[in-house]
Amino acid sequence: MASKAYPVATAAAADWRDFLALTKPRVLTLVVFTGLCGLLAAPQSIHPVLGFTAVLCIALGAGAAGALNQWYEADLDAMMARTANRPLPAGRMERQSALHFGVGLGIFSVLLMGLALNVLAAAILAVSILFYVVVYTVWLKRRTPQNIVIGGAAGAFPALIGWAAATGRVETLPVLLFALVFLWTPPHFWALALFINSDYARAGVPMLPAVAGQRATRVQILLYTVPMAAAAVAPWAMGLTGAIYGVGASLLSAMFLLLAAQVGFSRETDPAKMKAERRLFGFSVLYLFLIFGLVVADKVLA
């Protein structure tokens, strides 16, 4: 599909709000929160200033990935209603400015993490940025309906980074949290894709509903939710967390499974009437916040 032209920005068009928009603040909130929880759940504490620095680096790294994603996908964003008002497709910023901003932010975040915390945390941060930009954005998104499955790893790194920043190690609990986010990503995004599929289809992005159809997507949402729920309760089953986390994660995962089942067995084809899909998408965001909050609460209150 030919790319839709988008307005060319003037040098003075962009302001600080456009640079902030490049970082995808709504996505950034969840990334920062999971990274912070990974740091707080670690078995050893670090100085508050170093902890703040680690979280700042995670935020800057995620912002860099978001900016480079928008730099590369400006043509796609111009064709989708929900992204058409972003700084590049709306013509408020020069494309080169977004590239320089993203690269500079990414390099600074990795160097600061390495100098202030440790090399392992910096290396994982660098991998997460490159994975999102190169593997997901450049390689997978326009080529395969499995884009979000493999690309979901990019959003799963923050807990690992936070834990590594505090301890200098990667251990079983943060790996399980990584697996949880990795398995959570497909049902989360596919629920969204079901009711905004026309946007993706118009842009030529091969999201699963556009390629395999709604029925197959609904089945996949349910299938991915089962191992996601298992990953959520695994820390309790393995003795890595206590009952506060275990009971809470079990109840939240049961609710997620129920909502996923409603989507899986739904026959609704009109996006405007897809209430089950919207409920699952909305709950999936709350679910991840609560699960990671429980990890920290379990450590503090146990």
C-alpha atoms as a PDB file:
ATOM      1  CA  MET A   1       0.000   0.000   0.000  1.00  0.00           C
ATOM      2  CA  ALA A   2       1.329   3.441  -0.905  1.00  0.00           C
ATOM      3  CA  SER A   3       2.155   5.708   1.983  1.00  0.00           C
ATOM      4  CA  LYS A   4      -0.090   8.684   2.558  1.00  0.00           C
ATOM      5  CA  ALA A   5       1.684  12.016   2.425  1.00  0.00           C
ATOM      6  CA  TYR A   6       1.701  14.019   5.617  1.00  0.00           C
ATOM      7  CA  PRO A   7       2.366  17.745   6.157  1.00  0.00           C
ATOM      8  CA  VAL A   8       5.947  18.982   6.194  1.00  0.00           C
ATOM      9  CA  ALA A   9       6.773  20.853   9.376  1.00  0.00           C
ATOM     10  CA  THR A  10       8.393  24.229   9.603  1.00  0.00           C
ATOM     11  CA  ALA A  11      11.473  24.552  11.794  1.00  0.00           C
ATOM     12  CA  ALA A  12       9.656  26.588  14.450  1.00  0.00           C
ATOM     13  CA  ALA A  13       6.452  24.524  14.527  1.00  0.00           C
ATOM     14  CA  ALA A  14       7.260  22.097  17.350  1.00  0.00           C
ATOM     15  CA  ASP A  15       7.198  22.984  21.044  1.00  0.00           C
ATOM     16  CA  TRP A  16       7.882  21.021  24.244  1.00  0.00           C
ATOM     17  CA  ARG A  17       4.460  19.358  24.135  1.00  0.00           C
ATOM     18  CA  ASP A  18       5.290  17.791  20.786  1.00  0.00           C
ATOM     19  CA  PHE A  19       8.562  16.402  22.098  1.00  0.00           C
ATOM     20  CA  LEU A  20       6.682  15.038  25.090  1.00  0.00           C
ATOM     21  CA  ALA A  21       4.120  13.443  22.757  1.00  0.00           C
ATOM     22  CA  LEU A  22       6.968  11.681  20.933  1.00  0.00           C
ATOM     23  CA  THR A  23       7.714   9.732  24.120  1.00  0.00           C
ATOM     24  CA  LYS A  24       4.172   8.241  24.202  1.00  0.00           C
ATOM     25  CA  PRO A  25       3.364   9.384  27.774  1.00  0.00           C
ATOM     26  CA  ARG A  26       0.443   6.984  28.270  1.00  0.00           C
ATOM     27  CA  VAL A  27       2.600   3.985  27.434  1.00  0.00           C
ATOM     28  CA  LEU A  28       5.445   5.494  29.433  1.00  0.00           C
ATOM     29  CA  THR A  29       3.348   5.463  32.613  1.00  0.00           C
ATOM     30  CA  LEU A  30       3.004   1.667  32.570  1.00  0.00           C
ATOM     31  CA  VAL A  31       6.648   1.158  31.604  1.00  0.00           C
ATOM     32  CA  VAL A  32       7.895   3.358  34.435  1.00  0.00           C
ATOM     33  CA  PHE A  33       5.558   1.710  36.940  1.00  0.00           C
ATOM     34  CA  THR A  34       6.644  -1.847  36.095  1.00  0.00           C
ATOM     35  CA  GLY A  35      10.295  -0.765  36.172  1.00  0.00           C
ATOM     36  CA  LEU A  36       9.816   0.896  39.566  1.00  0.00           C
ATOM     37  CA  CYS A  37       8.098  -2.205  40.928  1.00  0.00           C
ATOM     38  CA  GLY A  38      10.948  -4.383  39.701  1.00  0.00           C
ATOM     39  CA  LEU A  39      13.378  -2.138  41.553  1.00  0.00           C
ATOM     40  CA  LEU A  40      11.300  -2.026  44.775  1.00  0.00           C
ATOM     41  CA  ALA A  41      10.671  -5.780  44.775  1.00  0.00           C
ATOM     42  CA  ALA A  42      14.389  -6.570  44.588  1.00  0.00           C
ATOM     43  CA  PRO A  43      15.854  -8.208  47.713  1.00  0.00           C
ATOM     44  CA  GLN A  44      18.279  -5.382  48.373  1.00  0.00           C
ATOM     45  CA  SER A  45      17.574  -1.668  48.472  1.00  0.00           C
ATOM     46  CA  ILE A  46      19.608   1.123  46.931  1.00  0.00           C
ATOM     47  CA  HIS A  47      20.031   4.785  47.753  1.00  0.00           C
ATOM     48  CA  PRO A  48      16.899   6.802  46.848  1.00  0.00           C
ATOM     49  CA  VAL A  49      18.899   9.036  44.497  1.00  0.00           C
ATOM     50  CA  LEU A  50      20.208   5.996  42.616  1.00  0.00           C
ATOM     51  CA  GLY A  51      16.713   4.513  42.581  1.00  0.00           C
ATOM     52  CA  PHE A  52      15.324   7.721  41.104  1.00  0.00           C
ATOM     53  CA  THR A  53      18.114   7.720  38.528  1.00  0.00           C
ATOM     54  CA  ALA A  54      17.341   4.133  37.526  1.00  0.00           C
ATOM     55  CA  VAL A  55      13.637   4.905  37.036  1.00  0.00           C
ATOM     56  CA  LEU A  56      14.523   8.080  35.141  1.00  0.00           C
ATOM     57  CA  CYS A  57      16.758   6.083  32.802  1.00  0.00           C
ATOM     58  CA  ILE A  58      13.961   3.572  32.185  1.00  0.00           C
ATOM     59  CA  ALA A  59      11.603   6.461  31.378  1.00  0.00           C
ATOM     60  CA  LEU A  60      14.102   8.146  29.061  1.00  0.00           C
ATOM     61  CA  GLY A  61      14.886   4.863  27.312  1.00  0.00           C
ATOM     62  CA  ALA A  62      11.198   4.127  26.772  1.00  0.00           C
ATOM     63  CA  GLY A  63      10.679   7.692  25.546  1.00  0.00           C
ATOM     64  CA  ALA A  64      13.542   7.253  23.094  1.00  0.00           C
ATOM     65  CA  ALA A  65      11.970   4.070  21.746  1.00  0.00           C
ATOM     66  CA  GLY A  66       8.617   5.850  21.355  1.00  0.00           C
ATOM     67  CA  ALA A  67      10.205   8.766  19.513  1.00  0.00           C
ATOM     68  CA  LEU A  68      12.113   6.510  17.112  1.00  0.00           C
ATOM     69  CA  ASN A  69       8.958   4.466  16.543  1.00  0.00           C
ATOM     70  CA  GLN A  70       7.075   7.624  15.535  1.00  0.00           C
ATOM     71  CA  TRP A  71       9.983   8.792  13.380  1.00  0.00           C
ATOM     72  CA  TYR A  72       9.923   5.535  11.427  1.00  0.00           C
ATOM     73  CA  GLU A  73       6.131   5.176  11.283  1.00  0.00           C
ATOM     74  CA  ALA A  74       5.117   8.720  10.401  1.00  0.00           C
ATOM     75  CA  ASP A  75       3.534   7.481   7.162  1.00  0.00           C
ATOM     76  CA  LEU A  76       1.454   4.844   8.978  1.00  0.00           C
ATOM     77  CA  ASP A  77       0.407   7.277  11.697  1.00  0.00           C
ATOM     78  CA  ALA A  78      -0.927   9.651   9.043  1.00  0.00           C
ATOM     79  CA  MET A  79      -3.343   6.947   7.848  1.00  0.00           C
ATOM     80  CA  MET A  80      -4.816   6.026  11.223  1.00  0.00           C
ATOM     81  CA  ALA A  81      -7.389   8.178  12.988  1.00  0.00           C
ATOM     82  CA  ARG A  82      -6.032   7.547  16.487  1.00  0.00           C
ATOM     83  CA  THR A  83      -2.478   8.599  15.521  1.00  0.00           C
ATOM     84  CA  ALA A  84      -3.023  11.224  12.815  1.00  0.00           C
ATOM     85  CA  ASN A  85      -2.608  14.105  15.255  1.00  0.00           C
ATOM     86  CA  ARG A  86       0.832  13.040  16.442  1.00  0.00           C
ATOM     87  CA  PRO A  87       3.542  15.687  15.867  1.00  0.00           C
ATOM     88  CA  LEU A  88       4.976  14.229  12.650  1.00  0.00           C
ATOM     89  CA  PRO A  89       1.827  13.319  10.674  1.00  0.00           C
ATOM     90  CA  ALA A  90       0.184  16.558  11.833  1.00  0.00           C
ATOM     91  CA  GLY A  91       3.140  18.537  10.462  1.00  0.00           C
ATOM     92  CA  ARG A  92       4.180  20.156  13.727  1.00  0.00           C
ATOM     93  CA  MET A  93       7.692  18.706  13.729  1.00  0.00           C
ATOM     94  CA  GLU A  94      10.446  17.928  11.266  1.00  0.00           C
ATOM     95  CA  ARG A  95      11.176  14.232  10.899  1.00  0.00           C
ATOM     96  CA  GLN A  96      14.893  14.763  11.470  1.00  0.00           C
ATOM     97  CA  SER A  97      14.173  16.435  14.812  1.00  0.00           C
ATOM     98  CA  ALA A  98      12.335  13.328  15.997  1.00  0.00           C
ATOM     99  CA  LEU A  99      15.248  11.129  14.908  1.00  0.00           C
ATOM    100  CA  HIS A 100      17.851  13.244  16.699  1.00  0.00           C
ATOM    101  CA  PHE A 101      15.676  13.484  19.815  1.00  0.00           C
ATOM    102  CA  GLY A 102      15.129   9.722  19.960  1.00  0.00           C
ATOM    103  CA  VAL A 103      18.763   8.767  19.340  1.00  0.00           C
ATOM    104  CA  GLY A 104      20.065  11.339  21.818  1.00  0.00           C
ATOM    105  CA  LEU A 105      17.597  10.311  24.507  1.00  0.00           C
ATOM    106  CA  GLY A 106      18.404   6.634  24.023  1.00  0.00           C
ATOM    107  CA  ILE A 107      22.188   7.057  24.191  1.00  0.00           C
ATOM    108  CA  PHE A 108      21.949   9.335  27.229  1.00  0.00           C
ATOM    109  CA  SER A 109      19.666   6.919  29.122  1.00  0.00           C
ATOM    110  CA  VAL A 110      21.949   3.924  28.552  1.00  0.00           C
ATOM    111  CA  LEU A 111      25.151   5.816  29.430  1.00  0.00           C
ATOM    112  CA  LEU A 112      23.608   7.272  32.586  1.00  0.00           C
ATOM    113  CA  MET A 113      22.323   3.866  33.683  1.00  0.00           C
ATOM    114  CA  GLY A 114      25.748   2.312  33.145  1.00  0.00           C
ATOM    115  CA  LEU A 115      27.617   5.065  34.972  1.00  0.00           C
ATOM    116  CA  ALA A 116      25.194   5.551  37.870  1.00  0.00           C
ATOM    117  CA  LEU A 117      23.981   1.980  38.415  1.00  0.00           C
ATOM    118  CA  ASN A 118      25.641  -0.963  36.645  1.00  0.00           C
ATOM    119  CA  VAL A 119      26.537  -2.330  33.242  1.00  0.00           C
ATOM    120  CA  LEU A 120      23.977  -5.164  33.324  1.00  0.00           C
ATOM    121  CA  ALA A 121      21.041  -2.794  33.811  1.00  0.00           C
ATOM    122  CA  ALA A 122      22.411  -0.525  31.060  1.00  0.00           C
ATOM    123  CA  ALA A 123      22.827  -3.475  28.690  1.00  0.00           C
ATOM    124  CA  ILE A 124      19.245  -4.670  29.231  1.00  0.00           C
ATOM    125  CA  LEU A 125      17.983  -1.118  28.725  1.00  0.00           C
ATOM    126  CA  ALA A 126      19.911  -0.863  25.447  1.00  0.00           C
ATOM    127  CA  VAL A 127      18.531  -4.224  24.287  1.00  0.00           C
ATOM    128  CA  SER A 128      14.976  -3.137  25.117  1.00  0.00           C
ATOM    129  CA  ILE A 129      15.292   0.061  23.058  1.00  0.00           C
ATOM    130  CA  LEU A 130      16.845  -1.733  20.090  1.00  0.00           C
ATOM    131  CA  PHE A 131      14.303  -4.540  20.295  1.00  0.00           C
ATOM    132  CA  TYR A 132      11.363  -2.137  20.140  1.00  0.00           C
ATOM    133  CA  VAL A 133      12.815  -0.007  17.365  1.00  0.00           C
ATOM    134  CA  VAL A 134      14.625  -2.533  15.173  1.00  0.00           C
ATOM    135  CA  VAL A 135      12.880  -5.866  15.797  1.00  0.00           C
ATOM    136  CA  TYR A 136       9.304  -4.693  16.345  1.00  0.00           C
ATOM    137  CA  THR A 137       9.006  -1.367  14.493  1.00  0.00           C
ATOM    138  CA  VAL A 138      11.305  -1.905  11.514  1.00  0.00           C
ATOM    139  CA  TRP A 139      11.273  -5.678  11.031  1.00  0.00           C
ATOM    140  CA  LEU A 140       8.011  -7.163  12.318  1.00  0.00           C
ATOM    141  CA  LYS A 141       5.173  -4.643  12.387  1.00  0.00           C
ATOM    142  CA  ARG A 142       4.616  -4.287   8.648  1.00  0.00           C
ATOM    143  CA  ARG A 143       5.508  -7.887   7.784  1.00  0.00           C
ATOM    144  CA  THR A 144       3.690 -10.376  10.001  1.00  0.00           C
ATOM    145  CA  PRO A 145       0.536 -10.719  12.117  1.00  0.00           C
ATOM    146  CA  GLN A 146       2.833 -12.131  14.805  1.00  0.00           C
ATOM    147  CA  ASN A 147       4.313  -8.636  15.207  1.00  0.00           C
ATOM    148  CA  ILE A 148       2.814  -8.042  18.624  1.00  0.00           C
ATOM    149  CA  VAL A 149       3.624 -11.559  19.859  1.00  0.00           C
ATOM    150  CA  ILE A 150       7.370 -11.275  19.319  1.00  0.00           C
ATOM    151  CA  GLY A 151       7.470  -7.518  19.729  1.00  0.00           C
ATOM    152  CA  GLY A 152       5.761  -7.836  23.108  1.00  0.00           C
ATOM    153  CA  ALA A 153       9.142  -8.636  24.612  1.00  0.00           C
ATOM    154  CA  ALA A 154      10.076  -4.960  24.255  1.00  0.00           C
ATOM    155  CA  GLY A 155       7.528  -3.915  26.863  1.00  0.00           C
ATOM    156  CA  ALA A 156       8.455  -6.772  29.194  1.00  0.00           C
ATOM    157  CA  PHE A 157      11.988  -5.566  29.956  1.00  0.00           C
ATOM    158  CA  PRO A 158      11.390  -2.775  32.554  1.00  0.00           C
ATOM    159  CA  ALA A 159      10.947  -5.103  35.554  1.00  0.00           C
ATOM    160  CA  LEU A 160      14.183  -6.861  34.616  1.00  0.00           C
ATOM    161  CA  ILE A 161      15.944  -3.516  34.288  1.00  0.00           C
ATOM    162  CA  GLY A 162      14.679  -2.267  37.661  1.00  0.00           C
ATOM    163  CA  TRP A 163      15.706  -5.473  39.405  1.00  0.00           C
ATOM    164  CA  ALA A 164      19.129  -5.487  37.732  1.00  0.00           C
ATOM    165  CA  ALA A 165      19.663  -1.833  38.653  1.00  0.00           C
ATOM    166  CA  ALA A 166      19.136  -2.683  42.329  1.00  0.00           C
ATOM    167  CA  THR A 167      20.996  -6.002  42.469  1.00  0.00           C
ATOM    168  CA  GLY A 168      23.313  -6.252  39.467  1.00  0.00           C
ATOM    169  CA  ARG A 169      21.724  -9.651  38.764  1.00  0.00           C
ATOM    170  CA  VAL A 170      18.830 -11.260  36.900  1.00  0.00           C
ATOM    171  CA  GLU A 171      16.906 -13.774  39.017  1.00  0.00           C
ATOM    172  CA  THR A 172      13.814 -15.961  38.766  1.00  0.00           C
ATOM    173  CA  LEU A 173      11.145 -13.507  39.963  1.00  0.00           C
ATOM    174  CA  PRO A 174      11.910 -10.732  37.437  1.00  0.00           C
ATOM    175  CA  VAL A 175      12.139 -13.363  34.686  1.00  0.00           C
ATOM    176  CA  LEU A 176       8.618 -14.526  35.605  1.00  0.00           C
ATOM    177  CA  LEU A 177       7.433 -10.913  35.555  1.00  0.00           C
ATOM    178  CA  PHE A 178       9.019 -10.566  32.117  1.00  0.00           C
ATOM    179  CA  ALA A 179       7.120 -13.680  30.975  1.00  0.00           C
ATOM    180  CA  LEU A 180       3.889 -12.293  32.416  1.00  0.00           C
ATOM    181  CA  VAL A 181       4.118  -9.036  30.441  1.00  0.00           C
ATOM    182  CA  PHE A 182       5.248 -10.914  27.324  1.00  0.00           C
ATOM    183  CA  LEU A 183       2.163 -13.171  27.470  1.00  0.00           C
ATOM    184  CA  TRP A 184      -0.138 -10.297  28.499  1.00  0.00           C
ATOM    185  CA  THR A 185       0.738  -8.210  25.437  1.00  0.00           C
ATOM    186  CA  PRO A 186      -1.095 -10.225  22.720  1.00  0.00           C
ATOM    187  CA  PRO A 187      -4.527 -10.360  24.423  1.00  0.00           C
ATOM    188  CA  HIS A 188      -4.155  -6.715  25.442  1.00  0.00           C
ATOM    189  CA  PHE A 189      -3.381  -5.453  21.930  1.00  0.00           C
ATOM    190  CA  TRP A 190      -5.594  -7.878  20.045  1.00  0.00           C
ATOM    191  CA  ALA A 191      -8.583  -6.802  22.145  1.00  0.00           C
ATOM    192  CA  LEU A 192      -7.835  -3.248  21.002  1.00  0.00           C
ATOM    193  CA  ALA A 193      -7.262  -4.367  17.410  1.00  0.00           C
ATOM    194  CA  LEU A 194     -10.697  -5.994  17.251  1.00  0.00           C
ATOM    195  CA  PHE A 195     -12.519  -2.684  17.643  1.00  0.00           C
ATOM    196  CA  ILE A 196     -10.082  -0.441  15.754  1.00  0.00           C
ATOM    197  CA  ASN A 197      -9.278  -2.934  13.006  1.00  0.00           C
ATOM    198  CA  SER A 198     -10.322  -0.494  10.281  1.00  0.00           C
ATOM    199  CA  ASP A 199      -7.467   1.807  11.317  1.00  0.00           C
ATOM    200  CA  TYR A 200      -4.872  -0.942  10.956  1.00  0.00           C
ATOM    201  CA  ALA A 201      -6.410  -2.191   7.704  1.00  0.00           C
ATOM    202  CA  ARG A 202      -6.367   1.293   6.204  1.00  0.00           C
ATOM    203  CA  ALA A 203      -2.673   1.635   7.049  1.00  0.00           C
ATOM    204  CA  GLY A 204      -1.845  -1.833   5.737  1.00  0.00           C
ATOM    205  CA  VAL A 205      -0.578  -3.095   9.109  1.00  0.00           C
ATOM    206  CA  PRO A 206      -1.072  -6.898   9.236  1.00  0.00           C
ATOM    207  CA  MET A 207      -2.617  -7.089  12.701  1.00  0.00           C
ATOM    208  CA  LEU A 208      -4.174 -10.472  13.415  1.00  0.00           C
ATOM    209  CA  PRO A 209      -7.874  -9.482  12.959  1.00  0.00           C
ATOM    210  CA  ALA A 210      -7.117  -8.085   9.488  1.00  0.00           C
ATOM    211  CA  VAL A 211      -5.133 -11.151   8.410  1.00  0.00           C
ATOM    212  CA  ALA A 212      -6.693 -14.124  10.194  1.00  0.00           C
ATOM    213  CA  GLY A 213     -10.136 -12.712  10.936  1.00  0.00           C
ATOM    214  CA  GLN A 214     -12.077 -11.998  14.108  1.00  0.00           C
ATOM    215  CA  ARG A 215     -12.808 -15.618  15.025  1.00  0.00           C
ATOM    216  CA  ALA A 216      -9.142 -16.643  15.001  1.00  0.00           C
ATOM    217  CA  THR A 217      -8.187 -13.510  16.935  1.00  0.00           C
ATOM    218  CA  ARG A 218     -10.742 -14.219  19.641  1.00  0.00           C
ATOM    219  CA  VAL A 219      -9.453 -17.764  20.031  1.00  0.00           C
ATOM    220  CA  GLN A 220      -5.863 -16.537  20.233  1.00  0.00           C
ATOM    221  CA  ILE A 221      -6.797 -14.001  22.918  1.00  0.00           C
ATOM    222  CA  LEU A 222      -8.217 -16.793  25.054  1.00  0.00           C
ATOM    223  CA  LEU A 223      -5.310 -19.148  24.350  1.00  0.00           C
ATOM    224  CA  TYR A 224      -2.692 -16.581  25.364  1.00  0.00           C
ATOM    225  CA  THR A 225      -4.598 -15.632  28.512  1.00  0.00           C
ATOM    226  CA  VAL A 226      -4.244 -19.140  29.974  1.00  0.00           C
ATOM    227  CA  PRO A 227      -0.401 -19.198  30.124  1.00  0.00           C
ATOM    228  CA  MET A 228      -0.451 -15.526  31.121  1.00  0.00           C
ATOM    229  CA  ALA A 229      -2.548 -16.409  34.160  1.00  0.00           C
ATOM    230  CA  ALA A 230      -0.186 -19.301  34.945  1.00  0.00           C
ATOM    231  CA  ALA A 231       2.806 -16.930  34.772  1.00  0.00           C
ATOM    232  CA  ALA A 232       1.000 -14.529  37.102  1.00  0.00           C
ATOM    233  CA  VAL A 233       0.497 -17.124  39.872  1.00  0.00           C
ATOM    234  CA  ALA A 234       3.838 -18.899  39.315  1.00  0.00           C
ATOM    235  CA  PRO A 235       5.801 -16.657  41.743  1.00  0.00           C
ATOM    236  CA  TRP A 236       3.441 -17.715  44.563  1.00  0.00           C
ATOM    237  CA  ALA A 237       3.481 -21.378  43.540  1.00  0.00           C
ATOM    238  CA  MET A 238       7.295 -21.321  43.501  1.00  0.00           C
ATOM    239  CA  GLY A 239       7.532 -19.682  46.913  1.00  0.00           C
ATOM    240  CA  LEU A 240       8.967 -16.427  45.581  1.00  0.00           C
ATOM    241  CA  THR A 241       6.079 -14.335  46.922  1.00  0.00           C
ATOM    242  CA  GLY A 242       3.631 -14.670  49.779  1.00  0.00           C
ATOM    243  CA  ALA A 243      -0.125 -15.011  50.116  1.00  0.00           C
ATOM    244  CA  ILE A 244      -0.818 -11.297  49.621  1.00  0.00           C
ATOM    245  CA  TYR A 245       0.480 -11.526  46.073  1.00  0.00           C
ATOM    246  CA  GLY A 246      -0.761 -15.071  45.480  1.00  0.00           C
ATOM    247  CA  VAL A 247      -4.397 -14.492  46.409  1.00  0.00           C
ATOM    248  CA  GLY A 248      -4.541 -11.129  44.660  1.00  0.00           C
ATOM    249  CA  ALA A 249      -2.903 -12.423  41.471  1.00  0.00           C
ATOM    250  CA  SER A 250      -5.206 -15.455  41.423  1.00  0.00           C
ATOM    251  CA  LEU A 251      -8.353 -13.324  41.704  1.00  0.00           C
ATOM    252  CA  LEU A 252      -7.204 -10.803  39.119  1.00  0.00           C
ATOM    253  CA  SER A 253      -6.165 -13.543  36.698  1.00  0.00           C
ATOM    254  CA  ALA A 254      -9.515 -15.310  37.141  1.00  0.00           C
ATOM    255  CA  MET A 255     -11.256 -12.048  36.209  1.00  0.00           C
ATOM    256  CA  PHE A 256      -8.969 -11.653  33.191  1.00  0.00           C
ATOM    257  CA  LEU A 257      -9.787 -15.226  32.106  1.00  0.00           C
ATOM    258  CA  LEU A 258     -13.505 -14.546  32.456  1.00  0.00           C
ATOM    259  CA  LEU A 259     -13.318 -11.403  30.315  1.00  0.00           C
ATOM    260  CA  ALA A 260     -11.112 -13.180  27.761  1.00  0.00           C
ATOM    261  CA  ALA A 261     -13.650 -16.018  27.586  1.00  0.00           C
ATOM    262  CA  GLN A 262     -16.423 -13.503  26.921  1.00  0.00           C
ATOM    263  CA  VAL A 263     -14.373 -12.119  24.039  1.00  0.00           C
ATOM    264  CA  GLY A 264     -13.414 -15.601  22.850  1.00  0.00           C
ATOM    265  CA  PHE A 265     -17.014 -16.765  22.567  1.00  0.00           C
ATOM    266  CA  SER A 266     -18.482 -13.478  21.347  1.00  0.00           C
ATOM    267  CA  ARG A 267     -19.993 -13.314  17.851  1.00  0.00           C
ATOM    268  CA  GLU A 268     -20.158  -9.515  17.655  1.00  0.00           C
ATOM    269  CA  THR A 269     -18.797  -8.138  14.369  1.00  0.00           C
ATOM    270  CA  ASP A 270     -19.691  -4.452  14.684  1.00  0.00           C
ATOM    271  CA  PRO A 271     -16.757  -2.578  16.288  1.00  0.00           C
ATOM    272  CA  ALA A 272     -19.152   0.023  17.697  1.00  0.00           C
ATOM    273  CA  LYS A 273     -20.942  -2.692  19.695  1.00  0.00           C
ATOM    274  CA  MET A 274     -17.895  -4.588  20.972  1.00  0.00           C
ATOM    275  CA  LYS A 275     -18.431  -4.065  24.696  1.00  0.00           C
ATOM    276  CA  ALA A 276     -16.660  -7.255  25.810  1.00  0.00           C
ATOM    277  CA  GLU A 277     -13.571  -6.333  23.826  1.00  0.00           C
ATOM    278  CA  ARG A 278     -13.467  -2.826  25.274  1.00  0.00           C
ATOM    279  CA  ARG A 279     -13.925  -4.200  28.812  1.00  0.00           C
ATOM    280  CA  LEU A 280     -11.048  -6.632  28.329  1.00  0.00           C
ATOM    281  CA  PHE A 281      -8.764  -3.948  26.917  1.00  0.00           C
ATOM    282  CA  GLY A 282      -9.554  -1.545  29.756  1.00  0.00           C
ATOM    283  CA  PHE A 283      -9.189  -4.202  32.437  1.00  0.00           C
ATOM    284  CA  SER A 284      -5.925  -5.480  30.958  1.00  0.00           C
ATOM    285  CA  VAL A 285      -4.231  -2.145  31.711  1.00  0.00           C
ATOM    286  CA  LEU A 286      -5.583  -2.085  35.279  1.00  0.00           C
ATOM    287  CA  TYR A 287      -4.604  -5.754  35.687  1.00  0.00           C
ATOM    288  CA  LEU A 288      -0.931  -5.113  35.013  1.00  0.00           C
ATOM    289  CA  PHE A 289      -0.806  -2.113  37.354  1.00  0.00           C
ATOM    290  CA  LEU A 290      -2.433  -4.142  40.136  1.00  0.00           C
ATOM    291  CA  ILE A 291      -0.298  -7.262  39.608  1.00  0.00           C
ATOM    292  CA  PHE A 292       2.938  -5.305  39.839  1.00  0.00           C
ATOM    293  CA  GLY A 293       1.612  -3.305  42.751  1.00  0.00           C
ATOM    294  CA  LEU A 294       0.929  -6.592  44.532  1.00  0.00           C
ATOM    295  CA  VAL A 295       4.529  -7.693  44.020  1.00  0.00           C
ATOM    296  CA  VAL A 296       5.707  -4.636  45.960  1.00  0.00           C
ATOM    297  CA  ALA A 297       2.922  -4.823  48.565  1.00  0.00           C
ATOM    298  CA  ASP A 298       3.756  -8.468  49.216  1.00  0.00           C
ATOM    299  CA  LYS A 299       7.380  -7.609  49.959  1.00  0.00           C
ATOM    300  CA  VAL A 300       6.553  -4.602  52.125  1.00  0.00           C
ATOM    301  CA  LEU A 301       3.692  -6.139  54.110  1.00  0.00           C
ATOM    302  CA  ALA A 302       4.790  -9.770  54.369  1.00  0.00           C
END
